[in-house]
């Protein structure tokens, strides 16, 4: 009886916390994908949830593209904005006849997938794709829960759709070897791990899987970020590291998803890009790059788009 009561309380708490990620868009409640922790953020998390270090997790490649979600046949960007015409066309090109299958699947689950290809690789890792426009599904959500990755893969492939490759590893082994593991993901941005959240840590993560990313550009990072600086130490000694290049390109891609062809109008694009770059910097405890540097990244992004046309 006590065990059943405990399960009821745990599930109720988990559903309440998880529901905070949902946003109402018309008639549907759409789940906004949680932030994926960086290596440093994950190490901080482990200090609060030590039990997680000895758990088995799922490991998958991190594709370079745009995080798109679909529920009940309606598609949204990472920030739950409607897809611009440019990305609607890219979506149709990437899925072709599979688009109908994806829409059918979205009537049972909220589907998260990476929309990429040679035409949409914001961080420059285009070799992870095999065509101009491509996609890969990486998560399903049902109700207020992530579906177990192995089960999700089985469901997705039964529809004849593509799901990301997954394997199982111990979290401790990953923390000890992630730099070497990146050699197995050279054509990707890196890899992502997904760990079932221990019951005692559900209040911290607020959803049923802990997500962390391990990227090539994290290699060699030396600066230590502290939230509170001792007065006896100069501010310069604890200067925040600058937001990583791939995160800046990701922010520009988010602006592109929202603006569509207006991404080429710098007067419209730059304010939106600055907004997203600031958001990413705040989320990851990083310093915002200078305006001139962000502008150079923006020009480089436009060059890539023009090259692929």
C-alpha atoms as a PDB file:
ATOM      1  CA  UNK A   1       0.000   0.000   0.000  1.00  0.00           C
ATOM      2  CA  UNK A   2       2.804   2.403   0.991  1.00  0.00           C
ATOM      3  CA  UNK A   3       4.715   1.515  -2.176  1.00  0.00           C
ATOM      4  CA  UNK A   4       1.662   2.250  -4.346  1.00  0.00           C
ATOM      5  CA  UNK A   5       1.155   5.580  -2.553  1.00  0.00           C
ATOM      6  CA  UNK A   6       4.814   6.480  -3.125  1.00  0.00           C
ATOM      7  CA  UNK A   7       4.515   5.669  -6.844  1.00  0.00           C
ATOM      8  CA  UNK A   8       1.375   7.805  -7.116  1.00  0.00           C
ATOM      9  CA  UNK A   9       3.034  10.781  -5.399  1.00  0.00           C
ATOM     10  CA  UNK A  10       6.193  10.443  -7.518  1.00  0.00           C
ATOM     11  CA  UNK A  11       4.314  10.258 -10.811  1.00  0.00           C
ATOM     12  CA  UNK A  12       2.053  13.160  -9.820  1.00  0.00           C
ATOM     13  CA  UNK A  13       5.048  15.312  -8.889  1.00  0.00           C
ATOM     14  CA  UNK A  14       6.873  14.312 -12.066  1.00  0.00           C
ATOM     15  CA  UNK A  15       3.873  15.192 -14.242  1.00  0.00           C
ATOM     16  CA  UNK A  16       3.405  18.549 -12.485  1.00  0.00           C
ATOM     17  CA  UNK A  17       7.037  19.565 -12.892  1.00  0.00           C
ATOM     18  CA  UNK A  18       7.205  18.263 -16.450  1.00  0.00           C
ATOM     19  CA  UNK A  19       4.013  20.123 -17.425  1.00  0.00           C
ATOM     20  CA  UNK A  20       5.823  23.444 -16.922  1.00  0.00           C
ATOM     21  CA  UNK A  21       7.586  22.810 -20.233  1.00  0.00           C
ATOM     22  CA  UNK A  22       4.299  22.888 -22.138  1.00  0.00           C
ATOM     23  CA  UNK A  23       3.097  25.928 -24.070  1.00  0.00           C
ATOM     24  CA  UNK A  24      -0.398  26.439 -25.401  1.00  0.00           C
ATOM     25  CA  UNK A  25      -0.501  27.077 -29.159  1.00  0.00           C
ATOM     26  CA  UNK A  26      -4.103  27.239 -30.283  1.00  0.00           C
ATOM     27  CA  UNK A  27      -5.891  23.992 -29.466  1.00  0.00           C
ATOM     28  CA  UNK A  28      -2.732  21.997 -28.613  1.00  0.00           C
ATOM     29  CA  UNK A  29      -0.382  21.923 -25.637  1.00  0.00           C
ATOM     30  CA  UNK A  30       3.087  21.805 -27.169  1.00  0.00           C
ATOM     31  CA  UNK A  31       6.108  20.648 -25.209  1.00  0.00           C
ATOM     32  CA  UNK A  32       9.162  22.881 -25.551  1.00  0.00           C
ATOM     33  CA  UNK A  33      12.356  20.855 -25.738  1.00  0.00           C
ATOM     34  CA  UNK A  34      14.476  21.322 -22.575  1.00  0.00           C
ATOM     35  CA  UNK A  35      17.928  22.886 -22.684  1.00  0.00           C
ATOM     36  CA  UNK A  36      20.669  20.307 -23.155  1.00  0.00           C
ATOM     37  CA  UNK A  37      23.437  20.736 -20.588  1.00  0.00           C
ATOM     38  CA  UNK A  38      27.039  21.423 -21.569  1.00  0.00           C
ATOM     39  CA  UNK A  39      29.815  19.274 -20.072  1.00  0.00           C
ATOM     40  CA  UNK A  40      30.424  21.832 -17.331  1.00  0.00           C
ATOM     41  CA  UNK A  41      26.730  22.198 -16.546  1.00  0.00           C
ATOM     42  CA  UNK A  42      26.408  18.413 -16.406  1.00  0.00           C
ATOM     43  CA  UNK A  43      29.338  18.141 -13.972  1.00  0.00           C
ATOM     44  CA  UNK A  44      27.614  20.728 -11.754  1.00  0.00           C
ATOM     45  CA  UNK A  45      24.400  18.737 -11.968  1.00  0.00           C
ATOM     46  CA  UNK A  46      26.162  15.557 -10.858  1.00  0.00           C
ATOM     47  CA  UNK A  47      27.234  17.304  -7.646  1.00  0.00           C
ATOM     48  CA  UNK A  48      23.539  17.765  -6.853  1.00  0.00           C
ATOM     49  CA  UNK A  49      22.512  14.301  -8.066  1.00  0.00           C
ATOM     50  CA  UNK A  50      25.448  11.983  -7.349  1.00  0.00           C
ATOM     51  CA  UNK A  51      23.461   8.814  -7.959  1.00  0.00           C
ATOM     52  CA  UNK A  52      23.304   9.526 -11.673  1.00  0.00           C
ATOM     53  CA  UNK A  53      27.021   8.929 -12.268  1.00  0.00           C
ATOM     54  CA  UNK A  54      26.702   5.150 -12.017  1.00  0.00           C
ATOM     55  CA  UNK A  55      23.629   4.837 -14.224  1.00  0.00           C
ATOM     56  CA  UNK A  56      23.383   3.491 -17.748  1.00  0.00           C
ATOM     57  CA  UNK A  57      22.554   6.120 -20.350  1.00  0.00           C
ATOM     58  CA  UNK A  58      21.777   6.350 -24.053  1.00  0.00           C
ATOM     59  CA  UNK A  59      24.395   7.892 -26.354  1.00  0.00           C
ATOM     60  CA  UNK A  60      23.576   9.331 -29.773  1.00  0.00           C
ATOM     61  CA  UNK A  61      25.334  11.531 -32.370  1.00  0.00           C
ATOM     62  CA  UNK A  62      24.578  15.259 -32.339  1.00  0.00           C
ATOM     63  CA  UNK A  63      23.483  16.207 -35.839  1.00  0.00           C
ATOM     64  CA  UNK A  64      24.063  19.726 -37.162  1.00  0.00           C
ATOM     65  CA  UNK A  65      20.732  21.217 -38.189  1.00  0.00           C
ATOM     66  CA  UNK A  66      17.564  22.797 -36.774  1.00  0.00           C
ATOM     67  CA  UNK A  67      15.511  21.369 -33.919  1.00  0.00           C
ATOM     68  CA  UNK A  68      11.950  21.019 -35.233  1.00  0.00           C
ATOM     69  CA  UNK A  69       8.906  19.538 -33.532  1.00  0.00           C
ATOM     70  CA  UNK A  70       5.550  18.364 -34.868  1.00  0.00           C
ATOM     71  CA  UNK A  71       2.346  17.567 -33.002  1.00  0.00           C
ATOM     72  CA  UNK A  72      -1.022  16.771 -34.578  1.00  0.00           C
ATOM     73  CA  UNK A  73       0.420  17.611 -37.983  1.00  0.00           C
ATOM     74  CA  UNK A  74       1.560  21.132 -37.019  1.00  0.00           C
ATOM     75  CA  UNK A  75       5.258  22.016 -37.173  1.00  0.00           C
ATOM     76  CA  UNK A  76       7.137  24.400 -34.869  1.00  0.00           C
ATOM     77  CA  UNK A  77      10.665  25.726 -34.440  1.00  0.00           C
ATOM     78  CA  UNK A  78      12.827  25.169 -31.332  1.00  0.00           C
ATOM     79  CA  UNK A  79      11.153  28.212 -29.746  1.00  0.00           C
ATOM     80  CA  UNK A  80       7.669  27.077 -30.827  1.00  0.00           C
ATOM     81  CA  UNK A  81       7.311  29.621 -33.618  1.00  0.00           C
ATOM     82  CA  UNK A  82       5.701  28.636 -36.948  1.00  0.00           C
ATOM     83  CA  UNK A  83       8.107  27.503 -39.687  1.00  0.00           C
ATOM     84  CA  UNK A  84       8.967  30.171 -42.260  1.00  0.00           C
ATOM     85  CA  UNK A  85       8.284  29.422 -45.928  1.00  0.00           C
ATOM     86  CA  UNK A  86      11.972  28.659 -46.571  1.00  0.00           C
ATOM     87  CA  UNK A  87      12.040  25.925 -43.923  1.00  0.00           C
ATOM     88  CA  UNK A  88       8.645  24.569 -44.944  1.00  0.00           C
ATOM     89  CA  UNK A  89      10.131  23.986 -48.390  1.00  0.00           C
ATOM     90  CA  UNK A  90      13.261  22.430 -46.870  1.00  0.00           C
ATOM     91  CA  UNK A  91      11.050  20.156 -44.761  1.00  0.00           C
ATOM     92  CA  UNK A  92       9.132  18.942 -47.809  1.00  0.00           C
ATOM     93  CA  UNK A  93      12.378  18.347 -49.690  1.00  0.00           C
ATOM     94  CA  UNK A  94      13.911  16.429 -46.762  1.00  0.00           C
ATOM     95  CA  UNK A  95      10.974  14.112 -46.096  1.00  0.00           C
ATOM     96  CA  UNK A  96       9.318  13.765 -49.494  1.00  0.00           C
ATOM     97  CA  UNK A  97       6.799  10.912 -49.320  1.00  0.00           C
ATOM     98  CA  UNK A  98       7.726  10.320 -45.660  1.00  0.00           C
ATOM     99  CA  UNK A  99       6.031  13.584 -44.683  1.00  0.00           C
ATOM    100  CA  UNK A 100       2.628  11.848 -44.515  1.00  0.00           C
ATOM    101  CA  UNK A 101       4.091   9.144 -42.265  1.00  0.00           C
ATOM    102  CA  UNK A 102       5.563  11.765 -39.950  1.00  0.00           C
ATOM    103  CA  UNK A 103       2.235  13.588 -39.691  1.00  0.00           C
ATOM    104  CA  UNK A 104       0.507  10.292 -38.852  1.00  0.00           C
ATOM    105  CA  UNK A 105       3.077   9.584 -36.141  1.00  0.00           C
ATOM    106  CA  UNK A 106       2.563  13.091 -34.730  1.00  0.00           C
ATOM    107  CA  UNK A 107      -1.086  12.261 -34.023  1.00  0.00           C
ATOM    108  CA  UNK A 108       0.106   9.737 -31.417  1.00  0.00           C
ATOM    109  CA  UNK A 109       3.294  11.409 -30.176  1.00  0.00           C
ATOM    110  CA  UNK A 110       4.944  14.801 -30.236  1.00  0.00           C
ATOM    111  CA  UNK A 111       7.948  14.217 -32.490  1.00  0.00           C
ATOM    112  CA  UNK A 112      11.321  15.991 -32.281  1.00  0.00           C
ATOM    113  CA  UNK A 113      13.698  15.822 -35.223  1.00  0.00           C
ATOM    114  CA  UNK A 114      16.729  17.538 -36.677  1.00  0.00           C
ATOM    115  CA  UNK A 115      16.082  19.179 -40.039  1.00  0.00           C
ATOM    116  CA  UNK A 116      19.403  19.442 -41.833  1.00  0.00           C
ATOM    117  CA  UNK A 117      21.363  18.459 -44.890  1.00  0.00           C
ATOM    118  CA  UNK A 118      24.013  20.230 -46.937  1.00  0.00           C
ATOM    119  CA  UNK A 119      21.566  23.156 -47.218  1.00  0.00           C
ATOM    120  CA  UNK A 120      21.132  23.540 -43.456  1.00  0.00           C
ATOM    121  CA  UNK A 121      24.215  22.832 -41.346  1.00  0.00           C
ATOM    122  CA  UNK A 122      24.587  25.961 -39.166  1.00  0.00           C
ATOM    123  CA  UNK A 123      27.802  24.879 -37.405  1.00  0.00           C
ATOM    124  CA  UNK A 124      29.424  23.590 -40.603  1.00  0.00           C
ATOM    125  CA  UNK A 125      29.216  19.830 -39.913  1.00  0.00           C
ATOM    126  CA  UNK A 126      27.461  19.109 -43.202  1.00  0.00           C
ATOM    127  CA  UNK A 127      29.183  15.734 -43.682  1.00  0.00           C
ATOM    128  CA  UNK A 128      26.908  14.211 -41.055  1.00  0.00           C
ATOM    129  CA  UNK A 129      24.231  14.361 -43.764  1.00  0.00           C
ATOM    130  CA  UNK A 130      23.982  12.501 -47.057  1.00  0.00           C
ATOM    131  CA  UNK A 131      21.898  14.915 -49.151  1.00  0.00           C
ATOM    132  CA  UNK A 132      20.977  18.585 -49.613  1.00  0.00           C
ATOM    133  CA  UNK A 133      17.922  18.255 -47.359  1.00  0.00           C
ATOM    134  CA  UNK A 134      17.644  15.537 -44.743  1.00  0.00           C
ATOM    135  CA  UNK A 135      16.215  14.733 -41.323  1.00  0.00           C
ATOM    136  CA  UNK A 136      16.567  12.394 -38.377  1.00  0.00           C
ATOM    137  CA  UNK A 137      14.143  11.888 -35.476  1.00  0.00           C
ATOM    138  CA  UNK A 138      15.719  11.877 -32.009  1.00  0.00           C
ATOM    139  CA  UNK A 139      12.835  11.980 -29.487  1.00  0.00           C
ATOM    140  CA  UNK A 140       9.169  11.217 -28.912  1.00  0.00           C
ATOM    141  CA  UNK A 141       7.062  12.699 -26.120  1.00  0.00           C
ATOM    142  CA  UNK A 142       3.823  11.113 -24.932  1.00  0.00           C
ATOM    143  CA  UNK A 143       1.668  12.997 -22.458  1.00  0.00           C
ATOM    144  CA  UNK A 144       4.216  14.483 -20.083  1.00  0.00           C
ATOM    145  CA  UNK A 145       7.061  12.040 -20.630  1.00  0.00           C
ATOM    146  CA  UNK A 146       9.942  11.360 -22.973  1.00  0.00           C
ATOM    147  CA  UNK A 147       9.551   7.918 -24.487  1.00  0.00           C
ATOM    148  CA  UNK A 148      12.425   5.546 -23.706  1.00  0.00           C
ATOM    149  CA  UNK A 149      14.894   5.980 -26.638  1.00  0.00           C
ATOM    150  CA  UNK A 150      14.953   2.269 -27.511  1.00  0.00           C
ATOM    151  CA  UNK A 151      11.158   2.143 -27.562  1.00  0.00           C
ATOM    152  CA  UNK A 152      11.025   5.402 -29.537  1.00  0.00           C
ATOM    153  CA  UNK A 153      13.406   3.976 -32.144  1.00  0.00           C
ATOM    154  CA  UNK A 154      11.227   0.886 -32.490  1.00  0.00           C
ATOM    155  CA  UNK A 155       8.070   2.995 -32.926  1.00  0.00           C
ATOM    156  CA  UNK A 156       9.616   5.412 -35.431  1.00  0.00           C
ATOM    157  CA  UNK A 157      11.196   2.716 -37.585  1.00  0.00           C
ATOM    158  CA  UNK A 158       7.896   0.811 -37.643  1.00  0.00           C
ATOM    159  CA  UNK A 159       6.518   3.873 -39.486  1.00  0.00           C
ATOM    160  CA  UNK A 160       9.391   3.620 -41.985  1.00  0.00           C
ATOM    161  CA  UNK A 161      11.015   6.807 -40.665  1.00  0.00           C
ATOM    162  CA  UNK A 162      14.626   7.503 -39.647  1.00  0.00           C
ATOM    163  CA  UNK A 163      15.663   7.530 -35.993  1.00  0.00           C
ATOM    164  CA  UNK A 164      19.062   8.465 -34.619  1.00  0.00           C
ATOM    165  CA  UNK A 165      21.537   5.662 -33.822  1.00  0.00           C
ATOM    166  CA  UNK A 166      21.758   4.897 -30.102  1.00  0.00           C
ATOM    167  CA  UNK A 167      23.984   2.857 -27.829  1.00  0.00           C
ATOM    168  CA  UNK A 168      24.199   2.290 -24.069  1.00  0.00           C
ATOM    169  CA  UNK A 169      27.097   3.281 -21.810  1.00  0.00           C
ATOM    170  CA  UNK A 170      27.833   3.943 -18.163  1.00  0.00           C
ATOM    171  CA  UNK A 171      27.801   7.656 -17.276  1.00  0.00           C
ATOM    172  CA  UNK A 172      31.060   7.413 -15.318  1.00  0.00           C
ATOM    173  CA  UNK A 173      32.822   5.872 -18.339  1.00  0.00           C
ATOM    174  CA  UNK A 174      31.610   8.740 -20.524  1.00  0.00           C
ATOM    175  CA  UNK A 175      32.880  11.410 -18.121  1.00  0.00           C
ATOM    176  CA  UNK A 176      36.269   9.723 -18.022  1.00  0.00           C
ATOM    177  CA  UNK A 177      36.547   9.182 -21.789  1.00  0.00           C
ATOM    178  CA  UNK A 178      34.370  11.761 -23.582  1.00  0.00           C
ATOM    179  CA  UNK A 179      37.341  13.523 -25.195  1.00  0.00           C
ATOM    180  CA  UNK A 180      38.462  10.255 -26.826  1.00  0.00           C
ATOM    181  CA  UNK A 181      34.877   9.307 -27.655  1.00  0.00           C
ATOM    182  CA  UNK A 182      34.575  12.411 -29.832  1.00  0.00           C
ATOM    183  CA  UNK A 183      36.879  10.679 -32.337  1.00  0.00           C
ATOM    184  CA  UNK A 184      33.960   8.359 -33.097  1.00  0.00           C
ATOM    185  CA  UNK A 185      31.795  11.391 -33.948  1.00  0.00           C
ATOM    186  CA  UNK A 186      34.123  13.392 -36.190  1.00  0.00           C
ATOM    187  CA  UNK A 187      31.484  14.267 -38.807  1.00  0.00           C
ATOM    188  CA  UNK A 188      29.004  15.309 -36.126  1.00  0.00           C
ATOM    189  CA  UNK A 189      28.968  18.276 -33.729  1.00  0.00           C
ATOM    190  CA  UNK A 190      29.648  15.707 -31.020  1.00  0.00           C
ATOM    191  CA  UNK A 191      27.295  13.440 -29.109  1.00  0.00           C
ATOM    192  CA  UNK A 192      24.370  13.671 -26.687  1.00  0.00           C
ATOM    193  CA  UNK A 193      23.578  11.497 -23.677  1.00  0.00           C
ATOM    194  CA  UNK A 194      20.143  10.800 -22.208  1.00  0.00           C
ATOM    195  CA  UNK A 195      19.851   9.434 -18.683  1.00  0.00           C
ATOM    196  CA  UNK A 196      16.658   8.307 -16.928  1.00  0.00           C
ATOM    197  CA  UNK A 197      16.189  10.749 -14.049  1.00  0.00           C
ATOM    198  CA  UNK A 198      16.523   9.169 -10.575  1.00  0.00           C
ATOM    199  CA  UNK A 199      13.418   9.790  -8.448  1.00  0.00           C
ATOM    200  CA  UNK A 200      15.341  11.892  -5.922  1.00  0.00           C
ATOM    201  CA  UNK A 201      16.548  14.231  -8.689  1.00  0.00           C
ATOM    202  CA  UNK A 202      13.247  14.906 -10.449  1.00  0.00           C
ATOM    203  CA  UNK A 203      12.880  18.256  -8.652  1.00  0.00           C
ATOM    204  CA  UNK A 204      16.184  19.419 -10.125  1.00  0.00           C
ATOM    205  CA  UNK A 205      15.788  18.390 -13.742  1.00  0.00           C
ATOM    206  CA  UNK A 206      11.963  18.689 -13.908  1.00  0.00           C
ATOM    207  CA  UNK A 207      11.617  15.987 -16.571  1.00  0.00           C
ATOM    208  CA  UNK A 208      12.127  12.249 -16.814  1.00  0.00           C
ATOM    209  CA  UNK A 209      15.439  12.306 -18.716  1.00  0.00           C
ATOM    210  CA  UNK A 210      18.657  14.213 -18.052  1.00  0.00           C
ATOM    211  CA  UNK A 211      20.192  15.548 -21.289  1.00  0.00           C
ATOM    212  CA  UNK A 212      23.813  16.581 -21.842  1.00  0.00           C
ATOM    213  CA  UNK A 213      25.918  17.339 -24.914  1.00  0.00           C
ATOM    214  CA  UNK A 214      29.617  16.740 -25.572  1.00  0.00           C
ATOM    215  CA  UNK A 215      30.940  18.816 -28.472  1.00  0.00           C
ATOM    216  CA  UNK A 216      34.288  19.038 -30.244  1.00  0.00           C
ATOM    217  CA  UNK A 217      34.676  22.688 -29.285  1.00  0.00           C
ATOM    218  CA  UNK A 218      34.579  21.819 -25.571  1.00  0.00           C
ATOM    219  CA  UNK A 219      37.997  20.184 -25.932  1.00  0.00           C
ATOM    220  CA  UNK A 220      40.781  22.132 -24.255  1.00  0.00           C
ATOM    221  CA  UNK A 221      38.477  24.474 -22.375  1.00  0.00           C
ATOM    222  CA  UNK A 222      40.388  25.742 -19.361  1.00  0.00           C
ATOM    223  CA  UNK A 223      38.557  28.752 -17.943  1.00  0.00           C
ATOM    224  CA  UNK A 224      36.664  27.966 -14.745  1.00  0.00           C
ATOM    225  CA  UNK A 225      33.306  29.658 -14.366  1.00  0.00           C
ATOM    226  CA  UNK A 226      32.327  30.666 -10.822  1.00  0.00           C
ATOM    227  CA  UNK A 227      29.002  32.196  -9.926  1.00  0.00           C
ATOM    228  CA  UNK A 228      30.341  34.215  -7.020  1.00  0.00           C
ATOM    229  CA  UNK A 229      33.825  35.731  -7.185  1.00  0.00           C
ATOM    230  CA  UNK A 230      35.978  36.177  -4.075  1.00  0.00           C
ATOM    231  CA  UNK A 231      36.632  39.897  -3.531  1.00  0.00           C
ATOM    232  CA  UNK A 232      40.358  39.284  -3.140  1.00  0.00           C
ATOM    233  CA  UNK A 233      40.634  37.956  -6.708  1.00  0.00           C
ATOM    234  CA  UNK A 234      40.459  40.261  -9.697  1.00  0.00           C
ATOM    235  CA  UNK A 235      37.444  40.095 -11.985  1.00  0.00           C
ATOM    236  CA  UNK A 236      39.704  39.412 -14.942  1.00  0.00           C
ATOM    237  CA  UNK A 237      40.847  36.102 -13.404  1.00  0.00           C
ATOM    238  CA  UNK A 238      37.258  34.850 -13.522  1.00  0.00           C
ATOM    239  CA  UNK A 239      36.144  36.229 -16.852  1.00  0.00           C
ATOM    240  CA  UNK A 240      33.454  34.091 -18.448  1.00  0.00           C
ATOM    241  CA  UNK A 241      34.469  32.156 -21.539  1.00  0.00           C
ATOM    242  CA  UNK A 242      32.949  33.402 -24.763  1.00  0.00           C
ATOM    243  CA  UNK A 243      29.918  31.653 -26.230  1.00  0.00           C
ATOM    244  CA  UNK A 244      31.077  28.855 -28.521  1.00  0.00           C
ATOM    245  CA  UNK A 245      30.994  29.376 -32.279  1.00  0.00           C
ATOM    246  CA  UNK A 246      28.497  26.566 -32.885  1.00  0.00           C
ATOM    247  CA  UNK A 247      26.107  28.098 -30.346  1.00  0.00           C
ATOM    248  CA  UNK A 248      26.321  31.455 -32.169  1.00  0.00           C
ATOM    249  CA  UNK A 249      25.578  29.760 -35.486  1.00  0.00           C
ATOM    250  CA  UNK A 250      22.731  27.922 -33.770  1.00  0.00           C
ATOM    251  CA  UNK A 251      21.316  31.269 -32.602  1.00  0.00           C
ATOM    252  CA  UNK A 252      21.581  32.650 -36.146  1.00  0.00           C
ATOM    253  CA  UNK A 253      19.783  29.561 -37.438  1.00  0.00           C
ATOM    254  CA  UNK A 254      16.970  30.132 -34.920  1.00  0.00           C
ATOM    255  CA  UNK A 255      16.622  33.670 -36.267  1.00  0.00           C
ATOM    256  CA  UNK A 256      16.606  32.239 -39.808  1.00  0.00           C
ATOM    257  CA  UNK A 257      13.839  29.791 -38.890  1.00  0.00           C
ATOM    258  CA  UNK A 258      11.741  32.700 -37.663  1.00  0.00           C
ATOM    259  CA  UNK A 259      12.619  35.271 -40.336  1.00  0.00           C
ATOM    260  CA  UNK A 260      12.803  33.129 -43.452  1.00  0.00           C
ATOM    261  CA  UNK A 261      14.066  35.129 -46.447  1.00  0.00           C
ATOM    262  CA  UNK A 262      14.333  38.255 -44.246  1.00  0.00           C
ATOM    263  CA  UNK A 263      17.533  36.722 -42.859  1.00  0.00           C
ATOM    264  CA  UNK A 264      19.256  38.496 -45.786  1.00  0.00           C
ATOM    265  CA  UNK A 265      18.011  41.886 -44.545  1.00  0.00           C
ATOM    266  CA  UNK A 266      20.585  42.819 -41.918  1.00  0.00           C
ATOM    267  CA  UNK A 267      18.368  45.536 -40.430  1.00  0.00           C
ATOM    268  CA  UNK A 268      15.735  42.916 -39.621  1.00  0.00           C
ATOM    269  CA  UNK A 269      18.103  40.028 -38.949  1.00  0.00           C
ATOM    270  CA  UNK A 270      20.718  41.508 -36.616  1.00  0.00           C
ATOM    271  CA  UNK A 271      18.387  42.549 -33.753  1.00  0.00           C
ATOM    272  CA  UNK A 272      16.827  39.070 -33.729  1.00  0.00           C
ATOM    273  CA  UNK A 273      20.268  37.430 -33.907  1.00  0.00           C
ATOM    274  CA  UNK A 274      21.586  39.544 -31.010  1.00  0.00           C
ATOM    275  CA  UNK A 275      18.516  38.551 -28.996  1.00  0.00           C
ATOM    276  CA  UNK A 276      19.077  34.825 -29.534  1.00  0.00           C
ATOM    277  CA  UNK A 277      22.847  35.056 -28.950  1.00  0.00           C
ATOM    278  CA  UNK A 278      22.244  36.810 -25.617  1.00  0.00           C
ATOM    279  CA  UNK A 279      19.754  34.125 -24.626  1.00  0.00           C
ATOM    280  CA  UNK A 280      22.228  31.333 -25.423  1.00  0.00           C
ATOM    281  CA  UNK A 281      25.032  33.106 -23.537  1.00  0.00           C
ATOM    282  CA  UNK A 282      22.861  33.543 -20.437  1.00  0.00           C
ATOM    283  CA  UNK A 283      21.693  29.915 -20.522  1.00  0.00           C
ATOM    284  CA  UNK A 284      25.217  28.522 -20.710  1.00  0.00           C
ATOM    285  CA  UNK A 285      27.034  30.994 -18.443  1.00  0.00           C
ATOM    286  CA  UNK A 286      29.037  32.457 -21.318  1.00  0.00           C
ATOM    287  CA  UNK A 287      30.107  35.916 -22.410  1.00  0.00           C
ATOM    288  CA  UNK A 288      28.328  37.438 -25.405  1.00  0.00           C
ATOM    289  CA  UNK A 289      30.787  37.846 -28.322  1.00  0.00           C
ATOM    290  CA  UNK A 290      31.404  41.379 -29.566  1.00  0.00           C
ATOM    291  CA  UNK A 291      28.900  42.841 -32.023  1.00  0.00           C
ATOM    292  CA  UNK A 292      31.519  42.853 -34.774  1.00  0.00           C
ATOM    293  CA  UNK A 293      32.268  39.165 -34.217  1.00  0.00           C
ATOM    294  CA  UNK A 294      28.564  38.229 -34.261  1.00  0.00           C
ATOM    295  CA  UNK A 295      28.213  40.209 -37.484  1.00  0.00           C
ATOM    296  CA  UNK A 296      31.135  38.266 -39.043  1.00  0.00           C
ATOM    297  CA  UNK A 297      29.463  34.993 -38.045  1.00  0.00           C
ATOM    298  CA  UNK A 298      26.260  36.276 -39.637  1.00  0.00           C
ATOM    299  CA  UNK A 299      28.055  37.062 -42.915  1.00  0.00           C
ATOM    300  CA  UNK A 300      29.686  33.621 -42.857  1.00  0.00           C
ATOM    301  CA  UNK A 301      26.275  32.026 -42.324  1.00  0.00           C
ATOM    302  CA  UNK A 302      24.904  33.909 -45.347  1.00  0.00           C
ATOM    303  CA  UNK A 303      27.877  32.770 -47.448  1.00  0.00           C
ATOM    304  CA  UNK A 304      27.096  29.146 -46.579  1.00  0.00           C
ATOM    305  CA  UNK A 305      23.464  29.594 -47.580  1.00  0.00           C
ATOM    306  CA  UNK A 306      24.416  31.177 -50.908  1.00  0.00           C
ATOM    307  CA  UNK A 307      26.980  28.451 -51.643  1.00  0.00           C
ATOM    308  CA  UNK A 308      24.328  25.764 -51.153  1.00  0.00           C
ATOM    309  CA  UNK A 309      21.737  27.378 -53.416  1.00  0.00           C
END
